[in-house]
Amino acid sequence: MPRFERKQNIFRNKDALGESYQPETIEEREEEIDQYMDALQPVVDGWEPNNIFLYGNTGVGKTAVTDYLLDQLREDVSDYEDVNLSVISLNCKTLNSSYQVAVELVNKLRPSGGEISSTGYPQQAVFKKLYAELEDIGGTILLVLDEIDAIGDRDELLYELPRARANDNLDDAKVGLIGISNDFKFRDQLDPRVQDTLCERELQFPPYDAPELENILQSRASIAIVDDAIKDGVLKFCAALAARDSGSARQALDLLRLAGEIAENNDRDAITEDHVEAARSRLEQERVEEGMRELTTHGRLALLAVVSKAAKAETPCRTRDIYEEYLTLCESSDTDSLAQRSVHNHLSDLRMLGILSANENRSGSRGNYYSYELDVPFSSAVEAMDDVLRLDEEIETIRDIATMNNRS
């Protein structure tokens, strides 16, 4: 008997729920698509393209809409002999400067012409190589830079490229930038000269609400999942969970896909809300574990201190109370402690990772302070910490305290 056998009692085409799937139509983004098309119109008309920047949280359709519209744009402009369009896409997540972005673009544009090293060249020399590659392509070129905020304040390329034709660095090539960012404040952090030079069209992608997410799920589920393999209320439940948390279509689709896998692995013929709840718990735990792996020992102990306070039903609580718990944990784990200010910085990092939430308390003459609590289910946080920290005695004590306080 084979160890692996094909299972198809839930999924018809599971890829339709994956991040790389590109749907034939984009749901619930009609207004943003109309604005985007207006910004791209100069390409069709044969003029120099706009610089376009898209802002919005993860999973709200920025990249999906970009891929969809640029595919359509390439197809449509093929009818015009005077428009020669090229689209070059680059994810900047692992790149933290204009220099690194320029090197990656050069190497992307000359795969058979010999890659250049990521070090050893003056920045302007790399820019000149980039201009030469763009001139070789010629025509209209759209450079799509996803997660562009990764370059931080080392933004010289965003100043140079829009001015390249005016400075006689480009002649035949007409270049437009399309920047995609999760950071709404990215533009404000740019050098004022860069802001003036870009003159970009700015598009905002708001989070999806629950009905919008349900429509998106319905559209994808009709492709991905076998008929009658979803119980009533499942799509609404997935949509509600994702809308309450982040408004992310990616999160809603991940919930549905994982719920389907759980149902299938348990030899069920349909996805139920219980499967969705199990999927939510697993994804939350993975989210905490992923965040924890980016933390130092003291960041993990700061989180453990909040978990310990939560087990005692004492959250939200102030930094000074968390710090006292942290000192106790440092002592029990034989770890030298940090100052309270440093622990506060770790709590801020945990907030940025989405593991903690913070409420600002205004107390007049006594000053303002933050109260922290878990932003993930208590059980998910405990299981994640058990997997990562391996502090068996401390974790078991926290579980016992939680049980006494009716915390699941």
Protein backbone atom coordinates (compact mmCIF):
# COMPACT_ATOMS: atom_id res chain seq x y z
CA MET A 1 0.00 0.00 0.00
CA PRO A 2 1.47 3.40 -0.97
CA ARG A 3 2.37 5.87 1.77
CA PHE A 4 1.03 8.77 -0.27
CA GLU A 5 -2.40 8.78 -1.87
CA ARG A 6 -4.17 11.57 -3.68
CA LYS A 7 -6.92 13.35 -1.72
CA GLN A 8 -9.49 15.36 -3.63
CA ASN A 9 -12.60 15.24 -1.48
CA ILE A 10 -12.33 18.96 -0.56
CA PHE A 11 -10.23 20.77 -3.15
CA ARG A 12 -10.81 21.04 -6.88
CA ASN A 13 -7.96 23.53 -7.44
CA LYS A 14 -6.25 24.49 -4.17
CA ASP A 15 -3.83 26.76 -6.03
CA ALA A 16 -6.72 29.23 -6.45
CA LEU A 17 -6.43 29.98 -2.72
CA GLY A 18 -2.66 30.55 -2.90
CA GLU A 19 -0.74 33.82 -2.93
CA SER A 20 0.66 33.30 -6.43
CA TYR A 21 -2.75 32.74 -8.06
CA GLN A 22 -3.82 35.55 -10.37
CA PRO A 23 -7.61 35.66 -10.81
CA GLU A 24 -9.21 36.60 -14.12
CA THR A 25 -11.09 39.42 -12.39
CA ILE A 26 -10.34 41.43 -9.26
CA GLU A 27 -13.15 41.62 -6.73
CA GLU A 28 -14.05 44.63 -4.57
CA ARG A 29 -11.44 47.04 -5.95
CA GLU A 30 -13.39 48.82 -8.70
CA GLU A 31 -12.67 52.34 -7.42
CA GLU A 32 -8.95 51.70 -6.97
CA ILE A 33 -8.74 50.08 -10.42
CA ASP A 34 -10.38 53.14 -12.03
CA GLN A 35 -7.89 55.48 -10.32
CA TYR A 36 -4.99 53.22 -11.29
CA MET A 37 -6.10 53.13 -14.92
CA ASP A 38 -6.23 56.93 -14.98
CA ALA A 39 -2.68 57.05 -13.64
CA LEU A 40 -1.51 54.59 -16.34
CA GLN A 41 -3.28 56.38 -19.22
CA PRO A 42 -0.16 58.34 -20.37
CA VAL A 43 1.43 54.99 -21.31
CA VAL A 44 -1.42 54.25 -23.74
CA ASP A 45 -1.24 57.77 -25.14
CA GLY A 46 2.49 57.44 -25.80
CA TRP A 47 3.61 60.01 -23.25
CA GLU A 48 6.11 59.76 -20.42
CA PRO A 49 4.53 57.61 -17.68
CA ASN A 50 3.47 58.81 -14.26
CA ASN A 51 5.24 57.70 -11.13
CA ILE A 52 2.63 55.82 -9.10
CA PHE A 53 2.80 54.87 -5.44
CA LEU A 54 0.38 52.42 -3.82
CA TYR A 55 -0.14 52.31 -0.06
CA GLY A 56 -2.06 49.83 2.05
CA ASN A 57 -1.72 47.03 4.60
CA THR A 58 -0.57 43.54 3.62
CA GLY A 59 -3.17 41.52 1.74
CA VAL A 60 -5.43 44.35 0.54
CA GLY A 61 -4.83 43.84 -3.19
CA LYS A 62 -2.01 46.24 -4.10
CA THR A 63 0.20 43.69 -5.85
CA ALA A 64 -2.72 41.68 -7.25
CA VAL A 65 -4.29 44.76 -8.83
CA THR A 66 -0.89 45.85 -10.18
CA ASP A 67 -0.23 42.47 -11.83
CA TYR A 68 -3.77 42.35 -13.23
CA LEU A 69 -3.71 45.86 -14.72
CA LEU A 70 -0.18 45.66 -16.11
CA ASP A 71 -1.00 42.38 -17.88
CA GLN A 72 -4.05 44.09 -19.38
CA LEU A 73 -1.99 47.17 -20.25
CA ARG A 74 0.64 45.14 -22.11
CA GLU A 75 -2.06 43.40 -24.09
CA ASP A 76 -3.92 46.59 -24.97
CA VAL A 77 -0.93 48.73 -25.99
CA SER A 78 0.19 46.02 -28.42
CA ASP A 79 -2.41 47.55 -30.77
CA TYR A 80 -0.38 50.76 -30.99
CA GLU A 81 2.79 50.64 -33.07
CA ASP A 82 4.27 53.72 -31.41
CA VAL A 83 4.14 52.21 -27.89
CA ASN A 84 6.83 49.72 -26.89
CA LEU A 85 6.13 48.78 -23.28
CA SER A 86 8.38 46.82 -20.92
CA VAL A 87 7.56 46.01 -17.29
CA ILE A 88 10.36 45.18 -14.85
CA SER A 89 9.31 43.97 -11.38
CA LEU A 90 11.50 43.73 -8.28
CA ASN A 91 10.70 42.96 -4.66
CA CYS A 92 12.83 45.17 -2.41
CA LYS A 93 12.18 43.29 0.84
CA THR A 94 15.80 42.16 1.25
CA LEU A 95 17.30 45.38 -0.16
CA ASN A 96 17.94 48.31 2.15
CA SER A 97 19.39 51.01 -0.10
CA SER A 98 19.13 52.61 -3.52
CA TYR A 99 22.51 51.10 -4.35
CA GLN A 100 21.29 47.53 -3.76
CA VAL A 101 18.08 48.15 -5.72
CA ALA A 102 20.06 49.56 -8.67
CA VAL A 103 22.43 46.56 -8.66
CA GLU A 104 19.48 44.13 -8.66
CA LEU A 105 17.83 46.00 -11.52
CA VAL A 106 21.02 45.96 -13.58
CA ASN A 107 21.46 42.22 -13.06
CA LYS A 108 17.78 41.60 -13.82
CA LEU A 109 18.08 43.51 -17.10
CA ARG A 110 21.26 41.75 -18.26
CA PRO A 111 20.91 38.05 -17.34
CA SER A 112 23.18 37.00 -20.20
CA GLY A 113 25.45 40.03 -20.09
CA GLY A 114 27.30 39.20 -16.89
CA GLU A 115 26.06 40.19 -13.45
CA ILE A 116 27.76 42.95 -11.50
CA SER A 117 28.83 42.57 -7.89
CA SER A 118 26.69 44.00 -5.10
CA THR A 119 29.78 45.76 -3.72
CA GLY A 120 32.81 47.56 -5.06
CA TYR A 121 31.26 50.17 -7.36
CA PRO A 122 30.60 53.85 -6.65
CA GLN A 123 26.85 54.44 -6.52
CA GLN A 124 26.83 56.75 -9.55
CA ALA A 125 28.69 54.10 -11.57
CA VAL A 126 25.90 51.62 -10.83
CA PHE A 127 23.29 54.22 -11.79
CA LYS A 128 25.08 54.75 -15.14
CA LYS A 129 25.05 51.01 -15.79
CA LEU A 130 21.33 51.01 -15.04
CA TYR A 131 20.73 53.89 -17.45
CA ALA A 132 22.67 52.01 -20.15
CA GLU A 133 20.52 48.91 -19.68
CA LEU A 134 17.32 50.95 -19.80
CA GLU A 135 18.47 52.72 -22.97
CA ASP A 136 19.15 49.34 -24.60
CA ILE A 137 15.55 48.37 -23.96
CA GLY A 138 14.15 51.74 -25.00
CA GLY A 139 10.49 52.68 -25.28
CA THR A 140 8.28 52.96 -22.20
CA ILE A 141 9.57 51.11 -19.15
CA LEU A 142 7.63 50.65 -15.92
CA LEU A 143 9.78 49.68 -12.92
CA VAL A 144 7.59 48.01 -10.30
CA LEU A 145 9.28 48.14 -6.88
CA ASP A 146 7.30 46.11 -4.35
CA GLU A 147 7.93 46.71 -0.62
CA ILE A 148 9.83 49.83 -1.63
CA ASP A 149 9.86 51.12 1.95
CA ALA A 150 12.65 48.60 2.68
CA ILE A 151 15.18 51.07 1.25
CA GLY A 152 14.48 53.44 4.16
CA ASP A 153 16.05 56.88 3.86
CA ARG A 154 18.71 55.74 1.38
CA ASP A 155 16.45 56.91 -1.42
CA GLU A 156 18.79 58.46 -4.00
CA LEU A 157 17.46 56.25 -6.80
CA LEU A 158 13.99 57.75 -6.35
CA TYR A 159 15.57 61.15 -6.95
CA GLU A 160 17.75 60.13 -9.87
CA LEU A 161 15.40 58.09 -12.06
CA PRO A 162 12.61 60.66 -12.52
CA ARG A 163 15.28 63.25 -13.51
CA ALA A 164 17.24 60.92 -15.80
CA ARG A 165 15.82 62.27 -19.08
CA ALA A 166 16.19 65.90 -17.99
CA ASN A 167 19.83 65.22 -17.08
CA ASP A 168 20.51 63.53 -20.46
CA ASN A 169 21.08 60.13 -18.84
CA LEU A 170 18.20 58.68 -20.85
CA ASP A 171 17.20 59.50 -24.41
CA ASP A 172 15.07 56.73 -25.94
CA ALA A 173 13.77 55.22 -22.67
CA LYS A 174 10.80 56.75 -20.86
CA VAL A 175 10.79 55.36 -17.31
CA GLY A 176 8.00 55.35 -14.74
CA LEU A 177 8.21 54.07 -11.18
CA ILE A 178 5.46 52.07 -9.52
CA GLY A 179 6.20 51.82 -5.80
CA ILE A 180 4.20 49.49 -3.54
CA SER A 181 4.42 49.96 0.22
CA ASN A 182 2.78 48.77 3.44
CA ASP A 183 4.07 51.90 5.19
CA PHE A 184 1.63 54.80 4.89
CA LYS A 185 4.30 57.19 6.21
CA PHE A 186 6.96 56.16 3.69
CA ARG A 187 6.53 59.23 1.48
CA ASP A 188 6.77 61.58 4.46
CA GLN A 189 10.11 60.01 5.39
CA LEU A 190 11.65 60.68 1.98
CA ASP A 191 14.11 63.48 1.36
CA PRO A 192 12.14 66.65 0.44
CA ARG A 193 14.00 66.77 -2.90
CA VAL A 194 12.81 63.24 -3.66
CA GLN A 195 9.23 64.16 -2.80
CA ASP A 196 9.35 67.13 -5.18
CA THR A 197 10.97 65.13 -7.98
CA LEU A 198 8.66 62.14 -7.87
CA CYS A 199 5.45 64.10 -8.45
CA GLU A 200 3.73 60.76 -8.08
CA ARG A 201 0.11 59.70 -8.26
CA GLU A 202 -0.76 58.24 -4.87
CA LEU A 203 -3.34 55.46 -4.45
CA GLN A 204 -4.60 54.25 -1.07
CA PHE A 205 -5.90 50.69 -0.64
CA PRO A 206 -8.07 50.48 2.51
CA PRO A 207 -8.62 47.22 4.42
CA TYR A 208 -11.48 45.04 3.20
CA ASP A 209 -14.61 44.82 5.31
CA ALA A 210 -16.35 41.51 6.08
CA PRO A 211 -18.89 41.55 3.18
CA GLU A 212 -16.10 42.37 0.69
CA LEU A 213 -13.97 39.53 2.03
CA GLU A 214 -16.91 37.15 1.83
CA ASN A 215 -17.41 38.04 -1.85
CA ILE A 216 -13.71 37.46 -2.55
CA LEU A 217 -13.82 34.11 -0.77
CA GLN A 218 -16.96 33.10 -2.67
CA SER A 219 -15.27 33.89 -5.99
CA ARG A 220 -12.14 31.90 -5.17
CA ALA A 221 -13.99 29.03 -3.47
CA SER A 222 -16.05 28.42 -6.60
CA ILE A 223 -12.78 27.60 -8.36
CA ALA A 224 -10.84 26.01 -5.51
CA ILE A 225 -13.31 23.83 -3.64
CA VAL A 226 -15.51 20.92 -4.66
CA ASP A 227 -19.26 21.60 -4.81
CA ASP A 228 -21.06 21.10 -1.48
CA ALA A 229 -17.71 20.85 0.40
CA ILE A 230 -18.31 24.03 2.40
CA LYS A 231 -20.91 24.13 5.16
CA ASP A 232 -23.19 27.17 5.49
CA GLY A 233 -21.59 30.03 7.39
CA VAL A 234 -17.96 29.01 6.78
CA LEU A 235 -17.14 31.77 4.30
CA LYS A 236 -18.88 34.37 6.47
CA PHE A 237 -16.91 33.15 9.50
CA CYS A 238 -13.55 33.32 7.65
CA ALA A 239 -14.41 36.80 6.39
CA ALA A 240 -15.45 38.02 9.84
CA LEU A 241 -12.24 36.76 11.47
CA ALA A 242 -10.01 38.37 8.84
CA ALA A 243 -11.98 41.65 8.83
CA ARG A 244 -11.79 41.91 12.62
CA ASP A 245 -8.03 41.33 12.60
CA SER A 246 -6.51 43.00 9.54
CA GLY A 247 -8.96 43.36 6.67
CA SER A 248 -6.61 41.18 4.62
CA ALA A 249 -7.82 39.00 1.78
CA ARG A 250 -4.63 37.00 2.13
CA GLN A 251 -5.49 36.15 5.73
CA ALA A 252 -9.06 35.16 4.80
CA LEU A 253 -7.83 32.92 1.97
CA ASP A 254 -5.18 31.35 4.21
CA LEU A 255 -7.85 30.55 6.80
CA LEU A 256 -10.07 28.88 4.22
CA ARG A 257 -7.22 26.92 2.66
CA LEU A 258 -5.89 25.63 5.99
CA ALA A 259 -9.42 24.81 7.19
CA GLY A 260 -9.85 22.74 4.02
CA GLU A 261 -6.58 20.93 4.63
CA ILE A 262 -7.60 20.13 8.20
CA ALA A 263 -10.96 18.79 7.01
CA GLU A 264 -9.31 16.75 4.25
CA ASN A 265 -6.65 15.30 6.55
CA ASN A 266 -9.42 14.17 8.89
CA ASP A 267 -11.25 12.48 6.00
CA ARG A 268 -14.17 14.91 6.14
CA ASP A 269 -16.21 15.75 3.06
CA ALA A 270 -16.94 19.37 3.97
CA ILE A 271 -15.33 22.32 5.77
CA THR A 272 -17.07 23.38 8.97
CA GLU A 273 -16.68 26.35 11.30
CA ASP A 274 -14.80 24.05 13.71
CA HIS A 275 -12.19 23.50 10.99
CA VAL A 276 -11.92 27.27 10.53
CA GLU A 277 -11.45 27.74 14.28
CA ALA A 278 -8.70 25.11 14.28
CA ALA A 279 -7.06 26.85 11.32
CA ARG A 280 -7.26 30.24 13.05
CA SER A 281 -5.59 28.82 16.17
CA ARG A 282 -2.79 27.23 14.14
CA LEU A 283 -2.14 30.36 12.08
CA GLU A 284 -2.07 32.52 15.21
CA GLN A 285 0.47 30.18 16.80
CA GLU A 286 2.62 30.24 13.67
CA ARG A 287 2.43 34.02 13.65
CA VAL A 288 3.69 34.21 17.24
CA GLU A 289 6.44 31.65 16.56
CA GLU A 290 7.58 33.52 13.47
CA GLY A 291 7.67 36.78 15.39
CA MET A 292 9.49 35.19 18.31
CA ARG A 293 12.26 33.88 16.10
CA GLU A 294 13.13 37.49 15.30
CA LEU A 295 13.43 38.34 18.99
CA THR A 296 16.43 38.33 21.29
CA THR A 297 16.39 36.34 24.53
CA HIS A 298 15.19 39.42 26.40
CA GLY A 299 12.46 40.10 23.84
CA ARG A 300 11.18 36.57 24.41
CA LEU A 301 11.33 37.00 28.18
CA ALA A 302 9.41 40.28 27.88
CA LEU A 303 6.70 38.43 25.95
CA LEU A 304 6.72 35.62 28.49
CA ALA A 305 6.18 38.24 31.20
CA VAL A 306 3.04 39.49 29.42
CA VAL A 307 1.82 35.90 28.97
CA SER A 308 2.38 35.29 32.68
CA LYS A 309 0.37 38.42 33.59
CA ALA A 310 -2.38 37.30 31.18
CA ALA A 311 -2.52 33.91 32.90
CA LYS A 312 -3.23 35.76 36.15
CA ALA A 313 -5.97 37.80 34.41
CA GLU A 314 -3.91 40.95 35.08
CA THR A 315 -3.78 42.37 31.55
CA PRO A 316 -3.80 44.97 30.17
CA CYS A 317 -1.02 46.11 32.48
CA ARG A 318 1.59 48.85 32.63
CA THR A 319 5.21 48.50 31.64
CA ARG A 320 6.40 48.71 35.25
CA ASP A 321 4.21 45.73 36.22
CA ILE A 322 5.43 43.72 33.24
CA TYR A 323 8.99 44.65 34.20
CA GLU A 324 8.58 43.20 37.69
CA GLU A 325 7.36 39.95 36.13
CA TYR A 326 10.27 40.05 33.68
CA LEU A 327 12.78 40.39 36.56
CA THR A 328 11.31 37.29 38.21
CA LEU A 329 11.65 35.32 34.95
CA CYS A 330 15.23 36.49 34.46
CA GLU A 331 16.07 35.27 37.95
CA SER A 332 14.44 31.86 37.44
CA SER A 333 16.17 31.39 34.08
CA ASP A 334 19.54 32.64 35.41
CA THR A 335 19.63 35.53 32.90
CA ASP A 336 21.06 38.98 33.58
CA SER A 337 18.24 41.51 33.38
CA LEU A 338 18.02 44.72 31.34
CA ALA A 339 16.88 48.15 32.46
CA GLN A 340 13.16 48.93 32.33
CA ARG A 341 13.62 51.27 29.34
CA SER A 342 15.15 48.46 27.30
CA VAL A 343 12.28 46.13 28.18
CA HIS A 344 9.85 48.86 27.08
CA ASN A 345 11.60 48.88 23.69
CA HIS A 346 11.11 45.11 23.42
CA LEU A 347 7.42 45.54 24.21
CA SER A 348 7.21 48.10 21.39
CA ASP A 349 8.83 45.59 19.03
CA LEU A 350 6.26 42.96 20.03
CA ARG A 351 3.54 45.47 19.29
CA MET A 352 4.98 46.11 15.83
CA LEU A 353 5.01 42.36 15.19
CA GLY A 354 1.29 42.21 15.98
CA ILE A 355 1.79 39.96 19.03
CA LEU A 356 0.89 42.62 21.60
CA SER A 357 -1.54 45.53 21.52
CA ALA A 358 -1.12 48.72 23.51
CA ASN A 359 -3.57 51.28 24.83
CA GLU A 360 -2.41 54.78 25.66
CA ASN A 361 -3.63 55.96 29.04
CA ARG A 362 -3.78 59.70 29.65
CA SER A 363 -3.51 60.53 33.32
CA GLY A 364 -3.08 64.28 33.35
CA SER A 365 -0.28 65.53 35.61
CA ARG A 366 1.04 61.99 36.08
CA GLY A 367 1.84 61.73 32.41
CA ASN A 368 0.77 59.28 29.72
CA TYR A 369 1.60 55.59 29.77
CA TYR A 370 0.85 52.43 27.78
CA SER A 371 -0.93 49.30 28.95
CA TYR A 372 -0.05 46.11 27.08
CA GLU A 373 -1.95 42.89 26.45
CA LEU A 374 -1.79 39.95 24.07
CA ASP A 375 -3.12 40.59 20.57
CA VAL A 376 -3.23 36.84 19.85
CA PRO A 377 -5.16 34.10 21.66
CA PHE A 378 -3.63 33.16 25.02
CA SER A 379 -3.42 29.46 24.13
CA SER A 380 -1.61 30.23 20.85
CA ALA A 381 0.94 32.37 22.66
CA VAL A 382 1.60 29.68 25.29
CA GLU A 383 2.01 26.91 22.74
CA ALA A 384 4.33 29.04 20.61
CA MET A 385 6.48 29.94 23.60
CA ASP A 386 6.63 26.30 24.66
CA ASP A 387 7.91 25.37 21.19
CA VAL A 388 10.49 28.17 20.97
CA LEU A 389 11.69 28.85 24.53
CA ARG A 390 11.80 25.35 26.01
CA LEU A 391 11.35 26.75 29.52
CA ASP A 392 9.31 23.75 30.62
CA GLU A 393 8.99 24.63 34.31
CA GLU A 394 7.99 28.28 33.71
CA ILE A 395 5.51 27.38 30.96
CA GLU A 396 3.92 24.66 33.09
CA THR A 397 3.54 27.10 35.99
CA ILE A 398 1.86 29.61 33.67
CA ARG A 399 -0.53 26.89 32.45
CA ASP A 400 -1.46 26.00 36.03
CA ILE A 401 -2.08 29.65 36.91
CA ALA A 402 -4.17 30.09 33.77
CA THR A 403 -6.29 27.08 34.68
CA MET A 404 -6.96 28.51 38.14
CA ASN A 405 -8.08 31.77 36.52
CA ASN A 406 -10.26 30.01 33.90
CA ARG A 407 -7.97 31.01 31.02
CA SER A 408 -8.03 28.48 28.18
